[in-house]
């Protein structure tokens, strides 16, 4: 598990710019998560292993990623 390191970030003065940055970071984080989960599942990881690495439940990670992974042709493990 990777330790969380708080970072002191100065937000832009313009609220619109701040919110746009947050939205862009969320999209990037989602793309990174999708790629990492797919890579892990192709490498034979189980749902519980992926969930633990992400700090969520097995059910949450399965619900979020299973349909997309099946469509991508990833052979999924049961447990």
PDB file of N, CA and C in Angstrom:
ATOM      1  N   UNK A   1       0.851  -1.176   0.000  1.00  0.00           N
ATOM      2  CA  UNK A   1       0.000   0.000   0.000  1.00  0.00           C
ATOM      3  C   UNK A   1       0.892   1.234   0.000  1.00  0.00           C
ATOM      4  N   UNK A   2       0.553   2.201  -0.791  1.00  0.00           N
ATOM      5  CA  UNK A   2       1.321   3.439  -0.895  1.00  0.00           C
ATOM      6  C   UNK A   2       0.832   4.422   0.157  1.00  0.00           C
ATOM      7  N   UNK A   3       1.772   5.050   0.859  1.00  0.00           N
ATOM      8  CA  UNK A   3       1.412   6.024   1.880  1.00  0.00           C
ATOM      9  C   UNK A   3       0.950   7.322   1.223  1.00  0.00           C
ATOM     10  N   UNK A   4      -0.057   7.937   1.796  1.00  0.00           N
ATOM     11  CA  UNK A   4      -0.570   9.223   1.316  1.00  0.00           C
ATOM     12  C   UNK A   4       0.288  10.332   1.869  1.00  0.00           C
ATOM     13  N   UNK A   5       0.762  11.183   0.996  1.00  0.00           N
ATOM     14  CA  UNK A   5       1.580  12.321   1.405  1.00  0.00           C
ATOM     15  C   UNK A   5       0.838  13.607   1.057  1.00  0.00           C
ATOM     16  N   UNK A   6       0.347  14.341   2.057  1.00  0.00           N
ATOM     17  CA  UNK A   6      -0.362  15.587   1.762  1.00  0.00           C
ATOM     18  C   UNK A   6       0.567  16.593   1.078  1.00  0.00           C
ATOM     19  N   UNK A   7      -0.009  17.334   0.156  1.00  0.00           N
ATOM     20  CA  UNK A   7       0.744  18.327  -0.592  1.00  0.00           C
ATOM     21  C   UNK A   7       0.035  19.666  -0.451  1.00  0.00           C
ATOM     22  N   UNK A   8       0.808  20.706  -0.167  1.00  0.00           N
ATOM     23  CA  UNK A   8       0.237  22.046  -0.058  1.00  0.00           C
ATOM     24  C   UNK A   8       0.164  22.646  -1.455  1.00  0.00           C
ATOM     25  N   UNK A   9      -1.053  22.762  -1.981  1.00  0.00           N
ATOM     26  CA  UNK A   9      -1.259  23.258  -3.340  1.00  0.00           C
ATOM     27  C   UNK A   9      -2.017  24.575  -3.280  1.00  0.00           C
ATOM     28  N   UNK A  10      -1.533  25.535  -4.010  1.00  0.00           N
ATOM     29  CA  UNK A  10      -2.195  26.832  -4.094  1.00  0.00           C
ATOM     30  C   UNK A  10      -3.171  26.791  -5.270  1.00  0.00           C
ATOM     31  N   UNK A  11      -4.451  26.928  -4.996  1.00  0.00           N
ATOM     32  CA  UNK A  11      -5.473  26.915  -6.043  1.00  0.00           C
ATOM     33  C   UNK A  11      -5.462  28.247  -6.786  1.00  0.00           C
ATOM     34  N   UNK A  12      -5.775  28.202  -8.084  1.00  0.00           N
ATOM     35  CA  UNK A  12      -5.878  29.455  -8.845  1.00  0.00           C
ATOM     36  C   UNK A  12      -6.914  30.389  -8.214  1.00  0.00           C
ATOM     37  N   UNK A  13      -6.705  31.684  -8.386  1.00  0.00           N
ATOM     38  CA  UNK A  13      -7.633  32.681  -7.834  1.00  0.00           C
ATOM     39  C   UNK A  13      -9.019  32.555  -8.440  1.00  0.00           C
ATOM     40  N   UNK A  14      -9.090  32.238  -9.727  1.00  0.00           N
ATOM     41  CA  UNK A  14     -10.360  32.133 -10.441  1.00  0.00           C
ATOM     42  C   UNK A  14     -11.037  30.810 -10.094  1.00  0.00           C
ATOM     43  N   UNK A  15     -12.227  30.848  -9.457  1.00  0.00           N
ATOM     44  CA  UNK A  15     -12.919  29.607  -9.107  1.00  0.00           C
ATOM     45  C   UNK A  15     -13.186  28.721 -10.328  1.00  0.00           C
ATOM     46  N   UNK A  16     -13.461  29.326 -11.472  1.00  0.00           N
ATOM     47  CA  UNK A  16     -13.696  28.546 -12.675  1.00  0.00           C
ATOM     48  C   UNK A  16     -12.473  27.751 -13.089  1.00  0.00           C
ATOM     49  N   UNK A  17     -11.306  28.371 -12.985  1.00  0.00           N
ATOM     50  CA  UNK A  17     -10.059  27.682 -13.317  1.00  0.00           C
ATOM     51  C   UNK A  17      -9.782  26.561 -12.318  1.00  0.00           C
ATOM     52  N   UNK A  18     -10.049  26.818 -11.050  1.00  0.00           N
ATOM     53  CA  UNK A  18      -9.859  25.788 -10.024  1.00  0.00           C
ATOM     54  C   UNK A  18     -10.754  24.585 -10.282  1.00  0.00           C
ATOM     55  N   UNK A  19     -12.020  24.853 -10.572  1.00  0.00           N
ATOM     56  CA  UNK A  19     -12.959  23.755 -10.808  1.00  0.00           C
ATOM     57  C   UNK A  19     -12.637  23.000 -12.092  1.00  0.00           C
ATOM     58  N   UNK A  20     -12.194  23.705 -13.118  1.00  0.00           N
ATOM     59  CA  UNK A  20     -11.798  23.041 -14.366  1.00  0.00           C
ATOM     60  C   UNK A  20     -10.591  22.138 -14.117  1.00  0.00           C
ATOM     61  N   UNK A  21      -9.659  22.591 -13.281  1.00  0.00           N
ATOM     62  CA  UNK A  21      -8.485  21.778 -12.950  1.00  0.00           C
ATOM     63  C   UNK A  21      -8.897  20.522 -12.201  1.00  0.00           C
ATOM     64  N   UNK A  22      -9.817  20.654 -11.265  1.00  0.00           N
ATOM     65  CA  UNK A  22     -10.310  19.490 -10.514  1.00  0.00           C
ATOM     66  C   UNK A  22     -10.958  18.491 -11.462  1.00  0.00           C
ATOM     67  N   UNK A  23     -11.798  18.978 -12.376  1.00  0.00           N
ATOM     68  CA  UNK A  23     -12.468  18.093 -13.329  1.00  0.00           C
ATOM     69  C   UNK A  23     -11.456  17.378 -14.224  1.00  0.00           C
ATOM     70  N   UNK A  24     -10.425  18.089 -14.673  1.00  0.00           N
ATOM     71  CA  UNK A  24      -9.396  17.483 -15.517  1.00  0.00           C
ATOM     72  C   UNK A  24      -8.613  16.421 -14.743  1.00  0.00           C
ATOM     73  N   UNK A  25      -8.300  16.701 -13.501  1.00  0.00           N
ATOM     74  CA  UNK A  25      -7.584  15.724 -12.679  1.00  0.00           C
ATOM     75  C   UNK A  25      -8.421  14.477 -12.438  1.00  0.00           C
ATOM     76  N   UNK A  26      -9.717  14.655 -12.225  1.00  0.00           N
ATOM     77  CA  UNK A  26     -10.597  13.491 -12.040  1.00  0.00           C
ATOM     78  C   UNK A  26     -10.632  12.627 -13.292  1.00  0.00           C
ATOM     79  N   UNK A  27     -10.723  13.268 -14.467  1.00  0.00           N
ATOM     80  CA  UNK A  27     -10.713  12.494 -15.722  1.00  0.00           C
ATOM     81  C   UNK A  27      -9.401  11.728 -15.867  1.00  0.00           C
ATOM     82  N   UNK A  28      -8.296  12.393 -15.568  1.00  0.00           N
ATOM     83  CA  UNK A  28      -6.995  11.744 -15.656  1.00  0.00           C
ATOM     84  C   UNK A  28      -6.902  10.582 -14.665  1.00  0.00           C
ATOM     85  N   UNK A  29      -7.336  10.802 -13.433  1.00  0.00           N
ATOM     86  CA  UNK A  29      -7.299   9.741 -12.421  1.00  0.00           C
ATOM     87  C   UNK A  29      -8.146   8.552 -12.860  1.00  0.00           C
ATOM     88  N   UNK A  30      -9.315   8.800 -13.434  1.00  0.00           N
ATOM     89  CA  UNK A  30     -10.170   7.712 -13.926  1.00  0.00           C
ATOM     90  C   UNK A  30      -9.482   6.932 -15.042  1.00  0.00           C
ATOM     91  N   UNK A  31      -8.817   7.637 -15.951  1.00  0.00           N
ATOM     92  CA  UNK A  31      -8.106   6.970 -17.043  1.00  0.00           C
ATOM     93  C   UNK A  31      -6.948   6.130 -16.505  1.00  0.00           C
ATOM     94  N   UNK A  32      -6.208   6.669 -15.553  1.00  0.00           N
ATOM     95  CA  UNK A  32      -5.104   5.929 -14.949  1.00  0.00           C
ATOM     96  C   UNK A  32      -5.615   4.693 -14.212  1.00  0.00           C
ATOM     97  N   UNK A  33      -6.720   4.841 -13.482  1.00  0.00           N
ATOM     98  CA  UNK A  33      -7.301   3.711 -12.767  1.00  0.00           C
ATOM     99  C   UNK A  33      -7.755   2.635 -13.743  1.00  0.00           C
ATOM    100  N   UNK A  34      -8.454   3.039 -14.804  1.00  0.00           N
ATOM    101  CA  UNK A  34      -8.918   2.064 -15.798  1.00  0.00           C
ATOM    102  C   UNK A  34      -7.750   1.263 -16.358  1.00  0.00           C
ATOM    103  N   UNK A  35      -6.682   1.952 -16.736  1.00  0.00           N
ATOM    104  CA  UNK A  35      -5.517   1.280 -17.324  1.00  0.00           C
ATOM    105  C   UNK A  35      -4.837   0.367 -16.307  1.00  0.00           C
ATOM    106  N   UNK A  36      -4.698   0.831 -15.072  1.00  0.00           N
ATOM    107  CA  UNK A  36      -4.028   0.034 -14.047  1.00  0.00           C
ATOM    108  C   UNK A  36      -4.843  -1.200 -13.683  1.00  0.00           C
ATOM    109  N   UNK A  37      -6.156  -1.057 -13.576  1.00  0.00           N
ATOM    110  CA  UNK A  37      -7.012  -2.201 -13.261  1.00  0.00           C
ATOM    111  C   UNK A  37      -6.956  -3.220 -14.394  1.00  0.00           C
ATOM    112  N   UNK A  38      -7.039  -2.746 -15.626  1.00  0.00           N
ATOM    113  CA  UNK A  38      -6.970  -3.673 -16.758  1.00  0.00           C
ATOM    114  C   UNK A  38      -5.624  -4.401 -16.771  1.00  0.00           C
ATOM    115  N   UNK A  39      -4.535  -3.687 -16.545  1.00  0.00           N
ATOM    116  CA  UNK A  39      -3.215  -4.301 -16.532  1.00  0.00           C
ATOM    117  C   UNK A  39      -3.129  -5.355 -15.426  1.00  0.00           C
ATOM    118  N   UNK A  40      -3.650  -5.030 -14.250  1.00  0.00           N
ATOM    119  CA  UNK A  40      -3.618  -5.971 -13.126  1.00  0.00           C
ATOM    120  C   UNK A  40      -4.443  -7.219 -13.432  1.00  0.00           C
ATOM    121  N   UNK A  41      -5.626  -7.032 -13.985  1.00  0.00           N
ATOM    122  CA  UNK A  41      -6.481  -8.185 -14.278  1.00  0.00           C
ATOM    123  C   UNK A  41      -5.876  -9.050 -15.377  1.00  0.00           C
ATOM    124  N   UNK A  42      -5.268  -8.434 -16.373  1.00  0.00           N
ATOM    125  CA  UNK A  42      -4.591  -9.217 -17.421  1.00  0.00           C
ATOM    126  C   UNK A  42      -3.391  -9.976 -16.852  1.00  0.00           C
ATOM    127  N   UNK A  43      -2.804  -9.456 -15.772  1.00  0.00           N
ATOM    128  CA  UNK A  43      -1.667 -10.111 -15.123  1.00  0.00           C
ATOM    129  C   UNK A  43      -2.107 -11.185 -14.133  1.00  0.00           C
ATOM    130  N   UNK A  44      -3.426 -11.391 -14.022  1.00  0.00           N
ATOM    131  CA  UNK A  44      -3.935 -12.458 -13.163  1.00  0.00           C
ATOM    132  C   UNK A  44      -4.306 -12.065 -11.756  1.00  0.00           C
ATOM    133  N   UNK A  45      -4.362 -10.765 -11.478  1.00  0.00           N
ATOM    134  CA  UNK A  45      -4.770 -10.335 -10.147  1.00  0.00           C
ATOM    135  C   UNK A  45      -6.227 -10.697  -9.909  1.00  0.00           C
ATOM    136  N   UNK A  46      -6.582 -10.891  -8.654  1.00  0.00           N
ATOM    137  CA  UNK A  46      -7.967 -11.144  -8.276  1.00  0.00           C
ATOM    138  C   UNK A  46      -8.659  -9.825  -7.951  1.00  0.00           C
ATOM    139  N   UNK A  47      -9.995  -9.867  -7.924  1.00  0.00           N
ATOM    140  CA  UNK A  47     -10.750  -8.672  -7.540  1.00  0.00           C
ATOM    141  C   UNK A  47     -10.348  -8.180  -6.149  1.00  0.00           C
ATOM    142  N   UNK A  48     -10.203  -9.081  -5.148  1.00  0.00           N
ATOM    143  CA  UNK A  48      -9.788  -8.591  -3.823  1.00  0.00           C
ATOM    144  C   UNK A  48      -8.410  -7.919  -3.828  1.00  0.00           C
ATOM    145  N   UNK A  49      -7.478  -8.427  -4.636  1.00  0.00           N
ATOM    146  CA  UNK A  49      -6.152  -7.797  -4.707  1.00  0.00           C
ATOM    147  C   UNK A  49      -6.252  -6.387  -5.285  1.00  0.00           C
ATOM    148  N   UNK A  50      -7.014  -6.244  -6.360  1.00  0.00           N
ATOM    149  CA  UNK A  50      -7.179  -4.928  -6.985  1.00  0.00           C
ATOM    150  C   UNK A  50      -7.880  -3.984  -6.009  1.00  0.00           C
ATOM    151  N   UNK A  51      -8.925  -4.477  -5.369  1.00  0.00           N
ATOM    152  CA  UNK A  51      -9.676  -3.649  -4.426  1.00  0.00           C
ATOM    153  C   UNK A  51      -8.795  -3.166  -3.284  1.00  0.00           C
ATOM    154  N   UNK A  52      -7.981  -4.060  -2.744  1.00  0.00           N
ATOM    155  CA  UNK A  52      -7.101  -3.666  -1.637  1.00  0.00           C
ATOM    156  C   UNK A  52      -6.103  -2.600  -2.085  1.00  0.00           C
ATOM    157  N   UNK A  53      -5.550  -2.770  -3.277  1.00  0.00           N
ATOM    158  CA  UNK A  53      -4.585  -1.788  -3.789  1.00  0.00           C
ATOM    159  C   UNK A  53      -5.225  -0.417  -3.984  1.00  0.00           C
ATOM    160  N   UNK A  54      -6.511  -0.401  -4.350  1.00  0.00           N
ATOM    161  CA  UNK A  54      -7.228   0.861  -4.563  1.00  0.00           C
ATOM    162  C   UNK A  54      -7.857   1.414  -3.286  1.00  0.00           C
ATOM    163  N   UNK A  55      -7.902   0.596  -2.237  1.00  0.00           N
ATOM    164  CA  UNK A  55      -8.504   1.043  -0.985  1.00  0.00           C
ATOM    165  C   UNK A  55     -10.021   1.084  -1.027  1.00  0.00           C
ATOM    166  N   UNK A  56     -10.613   0.159  -1.821  1.00  0.00           N
ATOM    167  CA  UNK A  56     -12.073   0.067  -1.927  1.00  0.00           C
ATOM    168  C   UNK A  56     -12.484  -1.387  -1.720  1.00  0.00           C
ATOM    169  N   UNK A  57     -13.777  -1.655  -1.743  1.00  0.00           N
ATOM    170  CA  UNK A  57     -14.249  -3.031  -1.601  1.00  0.00           C
ATOM    171  C   UNK A  57     -14.164  -3.771  -2.930  1.00  0.00           C
ATOM    172  N   UNK A  58     -14.144  -5.088  -2.827  1.00  0.00           N
ATOM    173  CA  UNK A  58     -14.144  -5.924  -4.025  1.00  0.00           C
ATOM    174  C   UNK A  58     -15.386  -5.640  -4.862  1.00  0.00           C
ATOM    175  N   UNK A  59     -16.509  -5.472  -4.197  1.00  0.00           N
ATOM    176  CA  UNK A  59     -17.761  -5.201  -4.903  1.00  0.00           C
ATOM    177  C   UNK A  59     -17.694  -3.886  -5.661  1.00  0.00           C
ATOM    178  N   UNK A  60     -17.091  -2.874  -5.053  1.00  0.00           N
ATOM    179  CA  UNK A  60     -17.008  -1.560  -5.694  1.00  0.00           C
ATOM    180  C   UNK A  60     -16.155  -1.613  -6.950  1.00  0.00           C
ATOM    181  N   UNK A  61     -14.999  -2.276  -6.867  1.00  0.00           N
ATOM    182  CA  UNK A  61     -14.117  -2.341  -8.030  1.00  0.00           C
ATOM    183  C   UNK A  61     -14.737  -3.199  -9.127  1.00  0.00           C
ATOM    184  N   UNK A  62     -15.408  -4.266  -8.748  1.00  0.00           N
ATOM    185  CA  UNK A  62     -16.070  -5.118  -9.735  1.00  0.00           C
ATOM    186  C   UNK A  62     -17.180  -4.350 -10.446  1.00  0.00           C
ATOM    187  N   UNK A  63     -18.001  -3.654  -9.690  1.00  0.00           N
ATOM    188  CA  UNK A  63     -19.108  -2.888 -10.272  1.00  0.00           C
ATOM    189  C   UNK A  63     -18.594  -1.822 -11.244  1.00  0.00           C
ATOM    190  N   UNK A  64     -17.500  -1.173 -10.881  1.00  0.00           N
ATOM    191  CA  UNK A  64     -16.977  -0.083 -11.696  1.00  0.00           C
ATOM    192  C   UNK A  64     -16.288  -0.575 -12.960  1.00  0.00           C
ATOM    193  N   UNK A  65     -15.617  -1.734 -12.913  1.00  0.00           N
ATOM    194  CA  UNK A  65     -14.742  -2.118 -14.013  1.00  0.00           C
ATOM    195  C   UNK A  65     -15.138  -3.378 -14.788  1.00  0.00           C
ATOM    196  N   UNK A  66     -15.940  -4.266 -14.216  1.00  0.00           N
ATOM    197  CA  UNK A  66     -16.182  -5.571 -14.838  1.00  0.00           C
ATOM    198  C   UNK A  66     -16.734  -5.473 -16.254  1.00  0.00           C
ATOM    199  N   UNK A  67     -17.760  -4.681 -16.458  1.00  0.00           N
ATOM    200  CA  UNK A  67     -18.392  -4.594 -17.784  1.00  0.00           C
ATOM    201  C   UNK A  67     -17.391  -4.124 -18.841  1.00  0.00           C
ATOM    202  N   UNK A  68     -16.609  -3.113 -18.522  1.00  0.00           N
ATOM    203  CA  UNK A  68     -15.624  -2.585 -19.462  1.00  0.00           C
ATOM    204  C   UNK A  68     -14.542  -3.620 -19.763  1.00  0.00           C
ATOM    205  N   UNK A  69     -14.101  -4.338 -18.727  1.00  0.00           N
ATOM    206  CA  UNK A  69     -13.055  -5.342 -18.922  1.00  0.00           C
ATOM    207  C   UNK A  69     -13.550  -6.507 -19.775  1.00  0.00           C
ATOM    208  N   UNK A  70     -14.771  -6.932 -19.548  1.00  0.00           N
ATOM    209  CA  UNK A  70     -15.354  -8.006 -20.353  1.00  0.00           C
ATOM    210  C   UNK A  70     -15.430  -7.566 -21.807  1.00  0.00           C
ATOM    211  N   UNK A  71     -15.880  -6.333 -22.045  1.00  0.00           N
ATOM    212  CA  UNK A  71     -15.966  -5.796 -23.410  1.00  0.00           C
ATOM    213  C   UNK A  71     -14.594  -5.716 -24.067  1.00  0.00           C
ATOM    214  N   UNK A  72     -13.536  -5.523 -23.253  1.00  0.00           N
ATOM    215  CA  UNK A  72     -12.175  -5.441 -23.776  1.00  0.00           C
ATOM    216  C   UNK A  72     -11.548  -6.823 -23.966  1.00  0.00           C
ATOM    217  N   UNK A  73     -12.299  -7.870 -23.624  1.00  0.00           N
ATOM    218  CA  UNK A  73     -11.805  -9.225 -23.816  1.00  0.00           C
ATOM    219  C   UNK A  73     -10.875  -9.722 -22.724  1.00  0.00           C
ATOM    220  N   UNK A  74     -10.945  -9.104 -21.556  1.00  0.00           N
ATOM    221  CA  UNK A  74     -10.092  -9.538 -20.429  1.00  0.00           C
ATOM    222  C   UNK A  74     -10.744 -10.735 -19.756  1.00  0.00           C
ATOM    223  N   UNK A  75      -9.969 -11.817 -19.579  1.00  0.00           N
ATOM    224  CA  UNK A  75     -10.461 -12.989 -18.859  1.00  0.00           C
ATOM    225  C   UNK A  75     -10.428 -12.674 -17.374  1.00  0.00           C
ATOM    226  N   UNK A  76     -11.588 -12.657 -16.753  1.00  0.00           N
ATOM    227  CA  UNK A  76     -11.678 -12.259 -15.344  1.00  0.00           C
ATOM    228  C   UNK A  76     -11.704 -13.478 -14.437  1.00  0.00           C
ATOM    229  N   UNK A  77     -11.019 -13.342 -13.297  1.00  0.00           N
ATOM    230  CA  UNK A  77     -11.035 -14.396 -12.273  1.00  0.00           C
ATOM    231  C   UNK A  77     -12.269 -14.225 -11.422  1.00  0.00           C
ATOM    232  N   UNK A  78     -12.745 -15.337 -10.892  1.00  0.00           N
ATOM    233  CA  UNK A  78     -13.916 -15.288 -10.004  1.00  0.00           C
ATOM    234  C   UNK A  78     -13.570 -14.670  -8.669  1.00  0.00           C
ATOM    235  N   UNK A  79     -12.462 -15.066  -8.071  1.00  0.00           N
ATOM    236  CA  UNK A  79     -12.055 -14.545  -6.760  1.00  0.00           C
ATOM    237  C   UNK A  79     -10.595 -14.439  -6.672  1.00  0.00           C
TER     238      UNK A  79
END
